[in-house]
Amino acid sequence: MGDQSVLLRVKAKPHARQDGVIGVRAGELIVAVRAPAEKGKANAEVIRVLAVALGLPRESVMLKSGGSSPHKVFQLPRHAAAALKRLALPATSS
């Protein structure tokens, strides 16, 4: 993706009652998922939830850092910036 991408900071909340984007706090999009934080299950569900919320294919949502942390950074295609604005979160160029 290179210079054709944006970075998105996410706070993951595994073991939630339901999946979804639940807000923005401290510059991070908060994403709740029902999956447990084990063996990449929660990460896969965060990617799925982000893809649906932003109207992107799953394969265009890439985990850049934070695989074992609740604080993650995802790399998205540049055209996702408009969808991020709808969620009231500014995109950062990579």
PDB file of N, CA and C in Angstrom:
ATOM      1  N   MET A   1       0.823  -1.184   0.000  1.00  0.00           N
ATOM      2  CA  MET A   1       0.000   0.000   0.000  1.00  0.00           C
ATOM      3  C   MET A   1       0.871   1.253   0.000  1.00  0.00           C
ATOM      4  N   GLY A   2       1.953   1.266   0.791  1.00  0.00           N
ATOM      5  CA  GLY A   2       2.901   2.358   0.767  1.00  0.00           C
ATOM      6  C   GLY A   2       2.281   3.719   0.978  1.00  0.00           C
ATOM      7  N   ASP A   3       2.611   4.670   0.072  1.00  0.00           N
ATOM      8  CA  ASP A   3       2.108   6.037   0.233  1.00  0.00           C
ATOM      9  C   ASP A   3       0.645   6.162  -0.207  1.00  0.00           C
ATOM     10  N   GLN A   4       0.043   5.084  -0.615  1.00  0.00           N
ATOM     11  CA  GLN A   4      -1.365   5.076  -0.988  1.00  0.00           C
ATOM     12  C   GLN A   4      -2.220   4.549   0.169  1.00  0.00           C
ATOM     13  N   SER A   5      -1.754   4.772   1.408  1.00  0.00           N
ATOM     14  CA  SER A   5      -2.479   4.217   2.541  1.00  0.00           C
ATOM     15  C   SER A   5      -2.603   5.226   3.678  1.00  0.00           C
ATOM     16  N   VAL A   6      -3.465   4.891   4.613  1.00  0.00           N
ATOM     17  CA  VAL A   6      -3.636   5.653   5.844  1.00  0.00           C
ATOM     18  C   VAL A   6      -3.506   4.697   7.020  1.00  0.00           C
ATOM     19  N   LEU A   7      -3.152   5.235   8.166  1.00  0.00           N
ATOM     20  CA  LEU A   7      -3.029   4.434   9.375  1.00  0.00           C
ATOM     21  C   LEU A   7      -4.189   4.741  10.303  1.00  0.00           C
ATOM     22  N   LEU A   8      -4.662   3.717  10.979  1.00  0.00           N
ATOM     23  CA  LEU A   8      -5.779   3.850  11.894  1.00  0.00           C
ATOM     24  C   LEU A   8      -5.401   3.228  13.237  1.00  0.00           C
ATOM     25  N   ARG A   9      -5.486   4.018  14.301  1.00  0.00           N
ATOM     26  CA  ARG A   9      -5.238   3.507  15.648  1.00  0.00           C
ATOM     27  C   ARG A   9      -6.551   2.948  16.199  1.00  0.00           C
ATOM     28  N   VAL A  10      -6.461   1.746  16.759  1.00  0.00           N
ATOM     29  CA  VAL A  10      -7.642   1.035  17.252  1.00  0.00           C
ATOM     30  C   VAL A  10      -7.368   0.513  18.657  1.00  0.00           C
ATOM     31  N   LYS A  11      -8.373   0.606  19.506  1.00  0.00           N
ATOM     32  CA  LYS A  11      -8.369  -0.041  20.827  1.00  0.00           C
ATOM     33  C   LYS A  11      -9.353  -1.199  20.718  1.00  0.00           C
ATOM     34  N   ALA A  12      -8.855  -2.415  20.791  1.00  0.00           N
ATOM     35  CA  ALA A  12      -9.698  -3.605  20.682  1.00  0.00           C
ATOM     36  C   ALA A  12     -10.243  -3.995  22.046  1.00  0.00           C
ATOM     37  N   LYS A  13     -11.508  -4.407  22.064  1.00  0.00           N
ATOM     38  CA  LYS A  13     -12.147  -4.868  23.290  1.00  0.00           C
ATOM     39  C   LYS A  13     -12.702  -6.270  23.035  1.00  0.00           C
ATOM     40  N   PRO A  14     -11.883  -7.306  23.303  1.00  0.00           N
ATOM     41  CA  PRO A  14     -12.348  -8.682  23.106  1.00  0.00           C
ATOM     42  C   PRO A  14     -13.354  -9.086  24.180  1.00  0.00           C
ATOM     43  N   HIS A  15     -13.998 -10.211  23.974  1.00  0.00           N
ATOM     44  CA  HIS A  15     -14.991 -10.768  24.913  1.00  0.00           C
ATOM     45  C   HIS A  15     -16.180  -9.825  25.120  1.00  0.00           C
ATOM     46  N   ALA A  16     -16.531  -9.051  24.112  1.00  0.00           N
ATOM     47  CA  ALA A  16     -17.664  -8.127  24.223  1.00  0.00           C
ATOM     48  C   ALA A  16     -18.981  -8.880  24.015  1.00  0.00           C
ATOM     49  N   ARG A  17     -20.063  -8.223  24.344  1.00  0.00           N
ATOM     50  CA  ARG A  17     -21.385  -8.833  24.138  1.00  0.00           C
ATOM     51  C   ARG A  17     -21.756  -8.901  22.669  1.00  0.00           C
ATOM     52  N   GLN A  18     -21.293  -7.900  21.902  1.00  0.00           N
ATOM     53  CA  GLN A  18     -21.565  -7.906  20.459  1.00  0.00           C
ATOM     54  C   GLN A  18     -20.418  -7.226  19.727  1.00  0.00           C
ATOM     55  N   ASP A  19     -20.313  -7.514  18.435  1.00  0.00           N
ATOM     56  CA  ASP A  19     -19.273  -6.935  17.592  1.00  0.00           C
ATOM     57  C   ASP A  19     -19.703  -5.561  17.103  1.00  0.00           C
ATOM     58  N   GLY A  20     -18.744  -4.643  16.997  1.00  0.00           N
ATOM     59  CA  GLY A  20     -19.050  -3.350  16.399  1.00  0.00           C
ATOM     60  C   GLY A  20     -18.095  -2.256  16.820  1.00  0.00           C
ATOM     61  N   VAL A  21     -18.159  -1.145  16.078  1.00  0.00           N
ATOM     62  CA  VAL A  21     -17.409   0.056  16.413  1.00  0.00           C
ATOM     63  C   VAL A  21     -18.238   0.772  17.476  1.00  0.00           C
ATOM     64  N   ILE A  22     -17.637   1.019  18.644  1.00  0.00           N
ATOM     65  CA  ILE A  22     -18.431   1.586  19.730  1.00  0.00           C
ATOM     66  C   ILE A  22     -18.061   3.018  20.086  1.00  0.00           C
ATOM     67  N   GLY A  23     -17.067   3.574  19.418  1.00  0.00           N
ATOM     68  CA  GLY A  23     -16.738   4.969  19.694  1.00  0.00           C
ATOM     69  C   GLY A  23     -15.310   5.319  19.391  1.00  0.00           C
ATOM     70  N   VAL A  24     -14.962   6.531  19.816  1.00  0.00           N
ATOM     71  CA  VAL A  24     -13.608   7.046  19.643  1.00  0.00           C
ATOM     72  C   VAL A  24     -13.168   7.618  20.988  1.00  0.00           C
ATOM     73  N   ARG A  25     -11.955   7.277  21.402  1.00  0.00           N
ATOM     74  CA  ARG A  25     -11.403   7.814  22.638  1.00  0.00           C
ATOM     75  C   ARG A  25      -9.898   7.977  22.474  1.00  0.00           C
ATOM     76  N   ALA A  26      -9.408   9.159  22.836  1.00  0.00           N
ATOM     77  CA  ALA A  26      -7.968   9.451  22.797  1.00  0.00           C
ATOM     78  C   ALA A  26      -7.370   9.153  21.424  1.00  0.00           C
ATOM     79  N   GLY A  27      -8.107   9.476  20.372  1.00  0.00           N
ATOM     80  CA  GLY A  27      -7.594   9.291  19.023  1.00  0.00           C
ATOM     81  C   GLY A  27      -7.623   7.866  18.507  1.00  0.00           C
ATOM     82  N   GLU A  28      -8.246   6.967  19.256  1.00  0.00           N
ATOM     83  CA  GLU A  28      -8.348   5.573  18.836  1.00  0.00           C
ATOM     84  C   GLU A  28      -9.806   5.215  18.594  1.00  0.00           C
ATOM     85  N   LEU A  29     -10.037   4.454  17.534  1.00  0.00           N
ATOM     86  CA  LEU A  29     -11.355   3.900  17.278  1.00  0.00           C
ATOM     87  C   LEU A  29     -11.513   2.689  18.200  1.00  0.00           C
ATOM     88  N   ILE A  30     -12.597   2.613  18.931  1.00  0.00           N
ATOM     89  CA  ILE A  30     -12.811   1.497  19.849  1.00  0.00           C
ATOM     90  C   ILE A  30     -13.678   0.469  19.138  1.00  0.00           C
ATOM     91  N   VAL A  31     -13.141  -0.743  19.031  1.00  0.00           N
ATOM     92  CA  VAL A  31     -13.826  -1.821  18.321  1.00  0.00           C
ATOM     93  C   VAL A  31     -14.026  -2.989  19.283  1.00  0.00           C
ATOM     94  N   ALA A  32     -15.275  -3.346  19.490  1.00  0.00           N
ATOM     95  CA  ALA A  32     -15.619  -4.473  20.355  1.00  0.00           C
ATOM     96  C   ALA A  32     -15.853  -5.714  19.500  1.00  0.00           C
ATOM     97  N   VAL A  33     -15.350  -6.845  19.990  1.00  0.00           N
ATOM     98  CA  VAL A  33     -15.567  -8.124  19.309  1.00  0.00           C
ATOM     99  C   VAL A  33     -15.884  -9.190  20.347  1.00  0.00           C
ATOM    100  N   ARG A  34     -16.704 -10.143  19.972  1.00  0.00           N
ATOM    101  CA  ARG A  34     -17.068 -11.244  20.874  1.00  0.00           C
ATOM    102  C   ARG A  34     -15.934 -12.250  21.028  1.00  0.00           C
ATOM    103  N   ALA A  35     -15.062 -12.317  20.067  1.00  0.00           N
ATOM    104  CA  ALA A  35     -13.986 -13.314  20.071  1.00  0.00           C
ATOM    105  C   ALA A  35     -13.019 -13.092  21.235  1.00  0.00           C
ATOM    106  N   PRO A  36     -12.450 -14.179  21.736  1.00  0.00           N
ATOM    107  CA  PRO A  36     -11.451 -14.049  22.796  1.00  0.00           C
ATOM    108  C   PRO A  36     -10.107 -13.575  22.228  1.00  0.00           C
ATOM    109  N   ALA A  37      -9.297 -12.995  23.088  1.00  0.00           N
ATOM    110  CA  ALA A  37      -7.972 -12.513  22.692  1.00  0.00           C
ATOM    111  C   ALA A  37      -6.968 -13.666  22.786  1.00  0.00           C
ATOM    112  N   GLU A  38      -7.131 -14.647  21.925  1.00  0.00           N
ATOM    113  CA  GLU A  38      -6.223 -15.792  21.911  1.00  0.00           C
ATOM    114  C   GLU A  38      -6.060 -16.311  20.495  1.00  0.00           C
ATOM    115  N   LYS A  39      -4.836 -16.666  20.158  1.00  0.00           N
ATOM    116  CA  LYS A  39      -4.501 -17.266  18.868  1.00  0.00           C
ATOM    117  C   LYS A  39      -4.992 -16.445  17.676  1.00  0.00           C
ATOM    118  N   GLY A  40      -5.014 -15.114  17.805  1.00  0.00           N
ATOM    119  CA  GLY A  40      -5.379 -14.250  16.689  1.00  0.00           C
ATOM    120  C   GLY A  40      -6.864 -14.145  16.392  1.00  0.00           C
ATOM    121  N   LYS A  41      -7.694 -14.781  17.217  1.00  0.00           N
ATOM    122  CA  LYS A  41      -9.137 -14.764  16.958  1.00  0.00           C
ATOM    123  C   LYS A  41      -9.715 -13.354  17.040  1.00  0.00           C
ATOM    124  N   ALA A  42      -9.350 -12.604  18.083  1.00  0.00           N
ATOM    125  CA  ALA A  42      -9.867 -11.242  18.227  1.00  0.00           C
ATOM    126  C   ALA A  42      -9.343 -10.349  17.101  1.00  0.00           C
ATOM    127  N   ASN A  43      -8.084 -10.497  16.731  1.00  0.00           N
ATOM    128  CA  ASN A  43      -7.528  -9.685  15.636  1.00  0.00           C
ATOM    129  C   ASN A  43      -8.293  -9.920  14.337  1.00  0.00           C
ATOM    130  N   ALA A  44      -8.593 -11.174  14.043  1.00  0.00           N
ATOM    131  CA  ALA A  44      -9.332 -11.493  12.819  1.00  0.00           C
ATOM    132  C   ALA A  44     -10.720 -10.857  12.847  1.00  0.00           C
ATOM    133  N   GLU A  45     -11.356 -10.865  13.999  1.00  0.00           N
ATOM    134  CA  GLU A  45     -12.685 -10.264  14.110  1.00  0.00           C
ATOM    135  C   GLU A  45     -12.625  -8.747  14.051  1.00  0.00           C
ATOM    136  N   VAL A  46     -11.584  -8.135  14.626  1.00  0.00           N
ATOM    137  CA  VAL A  46     -11.426  -6.676  14.518  1.00  0.00           C
ATOM    138  C   VAL A  46     -11.276  -6.300  13.048  1.00  0.00           C
ATOM    139  N   ILE A  47     -10.499  -7.060  12.306  1.00  0.00           N
ATOM    140  CA  ILE A  47     -10.336  -6.793  10.868  1.00  0.00           C
ATOM    141  C   ILE A  47     -11.686  -6.894  10.162  1.00  0.00           C
ATOM    142  N   ARG A  48     -12.460  -7.919  10.484  1.00  0.00           N
ATOM    143  CA  ARG A  48     -13.770  -8.086   9.859  1.00  0.00           C
ATOM    144  C   ARG A  48     -14.689  -6.920  10.179  1.00  0.00           C
ATOM    145  N   VAL A  49     -14.745  -6.527  11.450  1.00  0.00           N
ATOM    146  CA  VAL A  49     -15.617  -5.423  11.867  1.00  0.00           C
ATOM    147  C   VAL A  49     -15.191  -4.125  11.191  1.00  0.00           C
ATOM    148  N   LEU A  50     -13.889  -3.859  11.140  1.00  0.00           N
ATOM    149  CA  LEU A  50     -13.405  -2.644  10.466  1.00  0.00           C
ATOM    150  C   LEU A  50     -13.764  -2.654   8.987  1.00  0.00           C
ATOM    151  N   ALA A  51     -13.563  -3.781   8.345  1.00  0.00           N
ATOM    152  CA  ALA A  51     -13.865  -3.877   6.916  1.00  0.00           C
ATOM    153  C   ALA A  51     -15.337  -3.573   6.653  1.00  0.00           C
ATOM    154  N   VAL A  52     -16.214  -4.140   7.455  1.00  0.00           N
ATOM    155  CA  VAL A  52     -17.650  -3.891   7.283  1.00  0.00           C
ATOM    156  C   VAL A  52     -17.977  -2.425   7.556  1.00  0.00           C
ATOM    157  N   ALA A  53     -17.461  -1.880   8.654  1.00  0.00           N
ATOM    158  CA  ALA A  53     -17.763  -0.499   9.038  1.00  0.00           C
ATOM    159  C   ALA A  53     -17.268   0.514   8.005  1.00  0.00           C
ATOM    160  N   LEU A  54     -16.160   0.187   7.352  1.00  0.00           N
ATOM    161  CA  LEU A  54     -15.558   1.120   6.389  1.00  0.00           C
ATOM    162  C   LEU A  54     -15.910   0.788   4.944  1.00  0.00           C
ATOM    163  N   GLY A  55     -16.646  -0.295   4.731  1.00  0.00           N
ATOM    164  CA  GLY A  55     -17.023  -0.682   3.380  1.00  0.00           C
ATOM    165  C   GLY A  55     -15.842  -1.134   2.539  1.00  0.00           C
ATOM    166  N   LEU A  56     -14.930  -1.862   3.167  1.00  0.00           N
ATOM    167  CA  LEU A  56     -13.715  -2.331   2.496  1.00  0.00           C
ATOM    168  C   LEU A  56     -13.679  -3.847   2.454  1.00  0.00           C
ATOM    169  N   PRO A  57     -12.958  -4.413   1.482  1.00  0.00           N
ATOM    170  CA  PRO A  57     -12.726  -5.861   1.534  1.00  0.00           C
ATOM    171  C   PRO A  57     -11.772  -6.178   2.693  1.00  0.00           C
ATOM    172  N   ARG A  58     -11.942  -7.324   3.317  1.00  0.00           N
ATOM    173  CA  ARG A  58     -11.097  -7.704   4.463  1.00  0.00           C
ATOM    174  C   ARG A  58      -9.611  -7.627   4.152  1.00  0.00           C
ATOM    175  N   GLU A  59      -9.251  -8.072   2.957  1.00  0.00           N
ATOM    176  CA  GLU A  59      -7.823  -8.133   2.624  1.00  0.00           C
ATOM    177  C   GLU A  59      -7.169  -6.754   2.505  1.00  0.00           C
ATOM    178  N   SER A  60      -7.955  -5.686   2.472  1.00  0.00           N
ATOM    179  CA  SER A  60      -7.364  -4.351   2.406  1.00  0.00           C
ATOM    180  C   SER A  60      -7.169  -3.730   3.793  1.00  0.00           C
ATOM    181  N   VAL A  61      -7.579  -4.443   4.853  1.00  0.00           N
ATOM    182  CA  VAL A  61      -7.370  -3.993   6.230  1.00  0.00           C
ATOM    183  C   VAL A  61      -6.221  -4.818   6.784  1.00  0.00           C
ATOM    184  N   MET A  62      -5.057  -4.172   6.959  1.00  0.00           N
ATOM    185  CA  MET A  62      -3.855  -4.909   7.373  1.00  0.00           C
ATOM    186  C   MET A  62      -3.398  -4.463   8.756  1.00  0.00           C
ATOM    187  N   LEU A  63      -3.163  -5.417   9.634  1.00  0.00           N
ATOM    188  CA  LEU A  63      -2.636  -5.135  10.958  1.00  0.00           C
ATOM    189  C   LEU A  63      -1.158  -4.790  10.812  1.00  0.00           C
ATOM    190  N   LYS A  64      -0.809  -3.575  11.175  1.00  0.00           N
ATOM    191  CA  LYS A  64       0.575  -3.110  11.039  1.00  0.00           C
ATOM    192  C   LYS A  64       1.361  -3.317  12.327  1.00  0.00           C
ATOM    193  N   SER A  65       0.735  -3.067  13.490  1.00  0.00           N
ATOM    194  CA  SER A  65       1.407  -3.295  14.768  1.00  0.00           C
ATOM    195  C   SER A  65       0.370  -3.534  15.861  1.00  0.00           C
ATOM    196  N   GLY A  66       0.826  -4.149  16.956  1.00  0.00           N
ATOM    197  CA  GLY A  66      -0.043  -4.385  18.099  1.00  0.00           C
ATOM    198  C   GLY A  66      -0.764  -5.711  18.085  1.00  0.00           C
ATOM    199  N   GLY A  67      -0.203  -6.697  17.424  1.00  0.00           N
ATOM    200  CA  GLY A  67      -0.864  -8.000  17.317  1.00  0.00           C
ATOM    201  C   GLY A  67      -1.229  -8.624  18.649  1.00  0.00           C
ATOM    202  N   SER A  68      -0.420  -8.400  19.692  1.00  0.00           N
ATOM    203  CA  SER A  68      -0.716  -8.997  20.998  1.00  0.00           C
ATOM    204  C   SER A  68      -1.133  -7.951  22.032  1.00  0.00           C
ATOM    205  N   SER A  69      -1.431  -6.756  21.572  1.00  0.00           N
ATOM    206  CA  SER A  69      -1.838  -5.656  22.445  1.00  0.00           C
ATOM    207  C   SER A  69      -3.262  -5.218  22.119  1.00  0.00           C
ATOM    208  N   PRO A  70      -3.969  -4.643  23.083  1.00  0.00           N
ATOM    209  CA  PRO A  70      -5.282  -4.092  22.742  1.00  0.00           C
ATOM    210  C   PRO A  70      -5.167  -2.825  21.891  1.00  0.00           C
ATOM    211  N   HIS A  71      -4.010  -2.168  21.919  1.00  0.00           N
ATOM    212  CA  HIS A  71      -3.772  -0.957  21.130  1.00  0.00           C
ATOM    213  C   HIS A  71      -3.087  -1.362  19.829  1.00  0.00           C
ATOM    214  N   LYS A  72      -3.786  -1.187  18.723  1.00  0.00           N
ATOM    215  CA  LYS A  72      -3.321  -1.672  17.430  1.00  0.00           C
ATOM    216  C   LYS A  72      -3.259  -0.541  16.410  1.00  0.00           C
ATOM    217  N   VAL A  73      -2.479  -0.756  15.372  1.00  0.00           N
ATOM    218  CA  VAL A  73      -2.439   0.163  14.236  1.00  0.00           C
ATOM    219  C   VAL A  73      -2.724  -0.656  12.989  1.00  0.00           C
ATOM    220  N   PHE A  74      -3.708  -0.181  12.215  1.00  0.00           N
ATOM    221  CA  PHE A  74      -4.073  -0.841  10.970  1.00  0.00           C
ATOM    222  C   PHE A  74      -3.725   0.054   9.793  1.00  0.00           C
ATOM    223  N   GLN A  75      -3.324  -0.566   8.706  1.00  0.00           N
ATOM    224  CA  GLN A  75      -3.045   0.130   7.460  1.00  0.00           C
ATOM    225  C   GLN A  75      -4.220  -0.106   6.524  1.00  0.00           C
ATOM    226  N   LEU A  76      -4.756   1.000   6.002  1.00  0.00           N
ATOM    227  CA  LEU A  76      -5.929   0.960   5.140  1.00  0.00           C
ATOM    228  C   LEU A  76      -5.630   1.666   3.826  1.00  0.00           C
ATOM    229  N   PRO A  77      -6.365   1.365   2.766  1.00  0.00           N
ATOM    230  CA  PRO A  77      -6.176   2.095   1.513  1.00  0.00           C
ATOM    231  C   PRO A  77      -6.562   3.566   1.689  1.00  0.00           C
ATOM    232  N   ARG A  78      -5.932   4.435   0.942  1.00  0.00           N
ATOM    233  CA  ARG A  78      -6.140   5.880   1.054  1.00  0.00           C
ATOM    234  C   ARG A  78      -7.616   6.250   0.938  1.00  0.00           C
ATOM    235  N   HIS A  79      -8.378   5.589   0.076  1.00  0.00           N
ATOM    236  CA  HIS A  79      -9.785   5.958  -0.108  1.00  0.00           C
ATOM    237  C   HIS A  79     -10.642   5.670   1.132  1.00  0.00           C
ATOM    238  N   ALA A  80     -10.091   4.984   2.134  1.00  0.00           N
ATOM    239  CA  ALA A  80     -10.825   4.740   3.372  1.00  0.00           C
ATOM    240  C   ALA A  80     -10.913   5.998   4.236  1.00  0.00           C
ATOM    241  N   ALA A  81     -10.138   7.038   3.903  1.00  0.00           N
ATOM    242  CA  ALA A  81     -10.144   8.275   4.698  1.00  0.00           C
ATOM    243  C   ALA A  81     -11.537   8.890   4.771  1.00  0.00           C
ATOM    244  N   ALA A  82     -12.305   8.828   3.690  1.00  0.00           N
ATOM    245  CA  ALA A  82     -13.662   9.388   3.694  1.00  0.00           C
ATOM    246  C   ALA A  82     -14.556   8.638   4.681  1.00  0.00           C
ATOM    247  N   ALA A  83     -14.438   7.321   4.724  1.00  0.00           N
ATOM    248  CA  ALA A  83     -15.234   6.530   5.666  1.00  0.00           C
ATOM    249  C   ALA A  83     -14.802   6.808   7.100  1.00  0.00           C
ATOM    250  N   LEU A  84     -13.508   7.042   7.313  1.00  0.00           N
ATOM    251  CA  LEU A  84     -13.026   7.370   8.652  1.00  0.00           C
ATOM    252  C   LEU A  84     -13.582   8.698   9.126  1.00  0.00           C
ATOM    253  N   LYS A  85     -13.731   9.642   8.213  1.00  0.00           N
ATOM    254  CA  LYS A  85     -14.312  10.938   8.575  1.00  0.00           C
ATOM    255  C   LYS A  85     -15.749  10.774   9.033  1.00  0.00           C
ATOM    256  N   ARG A  86     -16.476   9.881   8.400  1.00  0.00           N
ATOM    257  CA  ARG A  86     -17.857   9.607   8.830  1.00  0.00           C
ATOM    258  C   ARG A  86     -17.894   9.066  10.258  1.00  0.00           C
ATOM    259  N   LEU A  87     -16.834   8.352  10.633  1.00  0.00           N
ATOM    260  CA  LEU A  87     -16.738   7.836  12.003  1.00  0.00           C
ATOM    261  C   LEU A  87     -16.106   8.867  12.945  1.00  0.00           C
ATOM    262  N   ALA A  88     -15.846  10.071  12.429  1.00  0.00           N
ATOM    263  CA  ALA A  88     -15.283  11.194  13.202  1.00  0.00           C
ATOM    264  C   ALA A  88     -13.879  10.906  13.704  1.00  0.00           C
ATOM    265  N   LEU A  89     -13.082  10.196  12.911  1.00  0.00           N
ATOM    266  CA  LEU A  89     -11.709   9.919  13.293  1.00  0.00           C
ATOM    267  C   LEU A  89     -10.794  10.321  12.157  1.00  0.00           C
ATOM    268  N   PRO A  90      -9.867  11.217  12.383  1.00  0.00           N
ATOM    269  CA  PRO A  90      -8.955  11.625  11.318  1.00  0.00           C
ATOM    270  C   PRO A  90      -7.984  10.508  10.953  1.00  0.00           C
ATOM    271  N   ALA A  91      -7.659  10.424   9.685  1.00  0.00           N
ATOM    272  CA  ALA A  91      -6.707   9.440   9.188  1.00  0.00           C
ATOM    273  C   ALA A  91      -5.312  10.058   9.216  1.00  0.00           C
ATOM    274  N   THR A  92      -4.299   9.225   9.423  1.00  0.00           N
ATOM    275  CA  THR A  92      -2.915   9.654   9.423  1.00  0.00           C
ATOM    276  C   THR A  92      -2.239   9.053   8.204  1.00  0.00           C
ATOM    277  N   SER A  93      -1.547   9.861   7.424  1.00  0.00           N
ATOM    278  CA  SER A  93      -0.836   9.330   6.252  1.00  0.00           C
ATOM    279  C   SER A  93       0.332   8.481   6.703  1.00  0.00           C
ATOM    280  N   SER A  94       0.619   7.449   5.925  1.00  0.00           N
ATOM    281  CA  SER A  94       1.781   6.612   6.258  1.00  0.00           C
ATOM    282  C   SER A  94       2.897   6.875   5.283  1.00  0.00           C
TER     283      SER A  94
END
